[in-house]
Protein backbone atom coordinates (compact mmCIF):
# COMPACT_ATOMS: atom_id res chain seq x y z
CA UNK A 1 0.00 0.00 0.00
CA UNK A 2 1.52 3.30 -1.01
CA UNK A 3 -0.69 5.85 0.76
CA UNK A 4 -3.76 5.02 2.75
CA UNK A 5 -6.61 6.82 4.42
CA UNK A 6 -6.95 7.04 8.18
CA UNK A 7 -9.07 4.32 9.71
CA UNK A 8 -8.49 5.29 13.34
CA UNK A 9 -5.98 6.62 15.84
CA UNK A 10 -4.95 4.57 18.87
CA UNK A 11 -2.99 5.39 22.00
CA UNK A 12 -0.16 2.86 21.70
CA UNK A 13 1.98 0.75 19.42
CA UNK A 14 0.48 -2.37 21.00
CA UNK A 15 -3.06 -1.34 20.04
CA UNK A 16 -1.89 -0.55 16.51
CA UNK A 17 -0.28 -3.99 16.24
CA UNK A 18 -3.45 -5.76 17.40
CA UNK A 19 -5.68 -3.86 14.96
CA UNK A 20 -3.31 -4.37 12.01
CA UNK A 21 -3.04 -8.08 12.82
CA UNK A 22 -6.84 -8.37 12.88
CA UNK A 23 -7.12 -6.51 9.56
CA UNK A 24 -4.42 -8.65 7.93
CA UNK A 25 -6.23 -11.80 9.10
CA UNK A 26 -9.30 -10.55 7.21
CA UNK A 27 -7.30 -9.84 4.05
CA UNK A 28 -7.11 -6.06 4.53
CA UNK A 29 -3.70 -4.47 4.05
CA UNK A 30 -2.85 -1.77 6.57
CA UNK A 31 -0.03 0.41 7.77
CA UNK A 32 0.55 2.47 10.88
CA UNK A 33 2.56 5.55 11.66
CA UNK A 34 3.07 8.13 14.38
CA UNK A 35 0.00 10.34 14.47
CA UNK A 36 1.14 13.87 13.75
CA UNK A 37 -2.22 15.47 14.47
CA UNK A 38 -2.25 14.56 18.18
CA UNK A 39 -0.18 16.79 20.41
CA UNK A 40 0.62 14.75 23.50
CA UNK A 41 3.44 12.87 25.15
CA UNK A 42 1.75 9.55 24.37
CA UNK A 43 2.80 7.39 21.44
CA UNK A 44 -0.42 7.81 19.42
CA UNK A 45 -0.48 5.74 16.22
CA UNK A 46 -2.54 6.29 13.10
CA UNK A 47 -3.90 3.18 11.32
CA UNK A 48 -4.10 3.51 7.53
CA UNK A 49 -5.93 1.34 5.00
CA UNK A 50 -6.58 1.59 1.28
CA UNK A 51 -9.58 3.79 0.52
CA UNK A 52 -11.27 0.83 -1.18
CA UNK A 53 -11.01 -1.16 2.11
CA UNK A 54 -12.14 1.60 4.46
CA UNK A 55 -15.80 0.55 4.82
CA UNK A 56 -14.90 -3.10 5.42
CA UNK A 57 -12.21 -2.17 7.93
CA UNK A 58 -14.60 0.09 9.86
CA UNK A 59 -17.03 -2.81 10.23
CA UNK A 60 -14.29 -4.86 11.92
CA UNK A 61 -13.38 -2.24 14.53
CA UNK A 62 -14.99 -2.60 17.94
CA UNK A 63 -17.61 0.04 18.53
CA UNK A 64 -17.30 2.38 21.50
CA UNK A 65 -19.99 1.75 24.08
CA UNK A 66 -22.15 4.75 24.87
C-alpha atoms as a PDB file:
ATOM      1  CA  UNK A   1       0.000   0.000   0.000  1.00  0.00           C
ATOM      2  CA  UNK A   2       1.518   3.304  -1.006  1.00  0.00           C
ATOM      3  CA  UNK A   3      -0.685   5.850   0.756  1.00  0.00           C
ATOM      4  CA  UNK A   4      -3.763   5.023   2.747  1.00  0.00           C
ATOM      5  CA  UNK A   5      -6.609   6.821   4.422  1.00  0.00           C
ATOM      6  CA  UNK A   6      -6.954   7.037   8.177  1.00  0.00           C
ATOM      7  CA  UNK A   7      -9.072   4.316   9.713  1.00  0.00           C
ATOM      8  CA  UNK A   8      -8.491   5.295  13.338  1.00  0.00           C
ATOM      9  CA  UNK A   9      -5.985   6.624  15.839  1.00  0.00           C
ATOM     10  CA  UNK A  10      -4.947   4.569  18.870  1.00  0.00           C
ATOM     11  CA  UNK A  11      -2.986   5.390  21.999  1.00  0.00           C
ATOM     12  CA  UNK A  12      -0.158   2.863  21.705  1.00  0.00           C
ATOM     13  CA  UNK A  13       1.982   0.751  19.417  1.00  0.00           C
ATOM     14  CA  UNK A  14       0.476  -2.370  21.000  1.00  0.00           C
ATOM     15  CA  UNK A  15      -3.059  -1.339  20.040  1.00  0.00           C
ATOM     16  CA  UNK A  16      -1.891  -0.550  16.510  1.00  0.00           C
ATOM     17  CA  UNK A  17      -0.278  -3.991  16.243  1.00  0.00           C
ATOM     18  CA  UNK A  18      -3.453  -5.757  17.398  1.00  0.00           C
ATOM     19  CA  UNK A  19      -5.676  -3.861  14.957  1.00  0.00           C
ATOM     20  CA  UNK A  20      -3.310  -4.372  12.010  1.00  0.00           C
ATOM     21  CA  UNK A  21      -3.039  -8.078  12.821  1.00  0.00           C
ATOM     22  CA  UNK A  22      -6.840  -8.369  12.877  1.00  0.00           C
ATOM     23  CA  UNK A  23      -7.125  -6.515   9.564  1.00  0.00           C
ATOM     24  CA  UNK A  24      -4.416  -8.651   7.927  1.00  0.00           C
ATOM     25  CA  UNK A  25      -6.234 -11.804   9.103  1.00  0.00           C
ATOM     26  CA  UNK A  26      -9.297 -10.546   7.215  1.00  0.00           C
ATOM     27  CA  UNK A  27      -7.296  -9.835   4.052  1.00  0.00           C
ATOM     28  CA  UNK A  28      -7.112  -6.059   4.529  1.00  0.00           C
ATOM     29  CA  UNK A  29      -3.702  -4.468   4.053  1.00  0.00           C
ATOM     30  CA  UNK A  30      -2.852  -1.773   6.572  1.00  0.00           C
ATOM     31  CA  UNK A  31      -0.035   0.414   7.768  1.00  0.00           C
ATOM     32  CA  UNK A  32       0.550   2.471  10.879  1.00  0.00           C
ATOM     33  CA  UNK A  33       2.558   5.550  11.655  1.00  0.00           C
ATOM     34  CA  UNK A  34       3.065   8.125  14.378  1.00  0.00           C
ATOM     35  CA  UNK A  35      -0.002  10.343  14.468  1.00  0.00           C
ATOM     36  CA  UNK A  36       1.142  13.871  13.749  1.00  0.00           C
ATOM     37  CA  UNK A  37      -2.224  15.474  14.469  1.00  0.00           C
ATOM     38  CA  UNK A  38      -2.253  14.559  18.176  1.00  0.00           C
ATOM     39  CA  UNK A  39      -0.177  16.794  20.414  1.00  0.00           C
ATOM     40  CA  UNK A  40       0.624  14.747  23.497  1.00  0.00           C
ATOM     41  CA  UNK A  41       3.439  12.874  25.151  1.00  0.00           C
ATOM     42  CA  UNK A  42       1.752   9.546  24.367  1.00  0.00           C
ATOM     43  CA  UNK A  43       2.795   7.392  21.436  1.00  0.00           C
ATOM     44  CA  UNK A  44      -0.418   7.806  19.419  1.00  0.00           C
ATOM     45  CA  UNK A  45      -0.477   5.737  16.218  1.00  0.00           C
ATOM     46  CA  UNK A  46      -2.545   6.290  13.097  1.00  0.00           C
ATOM     47  CA  UNK A  47      -3.895   3.176  11.325  1.00  0.00           C
ATOM     48  CA  UNK A  48      -4.103   3.507   7.527  1.00  0.00           C
ATOM     49  CA  UNK A  49      -5.927   1.338   4.997  1.00  0.00           C
ATOM     50  CA  UNK A  50      -6.581   1.588   1.278  1.00  0.00           C
ATOM     51  CA  UNK A  51      -9.582   3.791   0.523  1.00  0.00           C
ATOM     52  CA  UNK A  52     -11.275   0.826  -1.177  1.00  0.00           C
ATOM     53  CA  UNK A  53     -11.007  -1.163   2.115  1.00  0.00           C
ATOM     54  CA  UNK A  54     -12.143   1.601   4.455  1.00  0.00           C
ATOM     55  CA  UNK A  55     -15.799   0.548   4.823  1.00  0.00           C
ATOM     56  CA  UNK A  56     -14.902  -3.101   5.418  1.00  0.00           C
ATOM     57  CA  UNK A  57     -12.211  -2.170   7.928  1.00  0.00           C
ATOM     58  CA  UNK A  58     -14.602   0.087   9.859  1.00  0.00           C
ATOM     59  CA  UNK A  59     -17.031  -2.808  10.231  1.00  0.00           C
ATOM     60  CA  UNK A  60     -14.292  -4.861  11.921  1.00  0.00           C
ATOM     61  CA  UNK A  61     -13.379  -2.245  14.532  1.00  0.00           C
ATOM     62  CA  UNK A  62     -14.990  -2.602  17.939  1.00  0.00           C
ATOM     63  CA  UNK A  63     -17.611   0.043  18.535  1.00  0.00           C
ATOM     64  CA  UNK A  64     -17.300   2.377  21.505  1.00  0.00           C
ATOM     65  CA  UNK A  65     -19.988   1.754  24.080  1.00  0.00           C
ATOM     66  CA  UNK A  66     -22.152   4.748  24.875  1.00  0.00           C
END
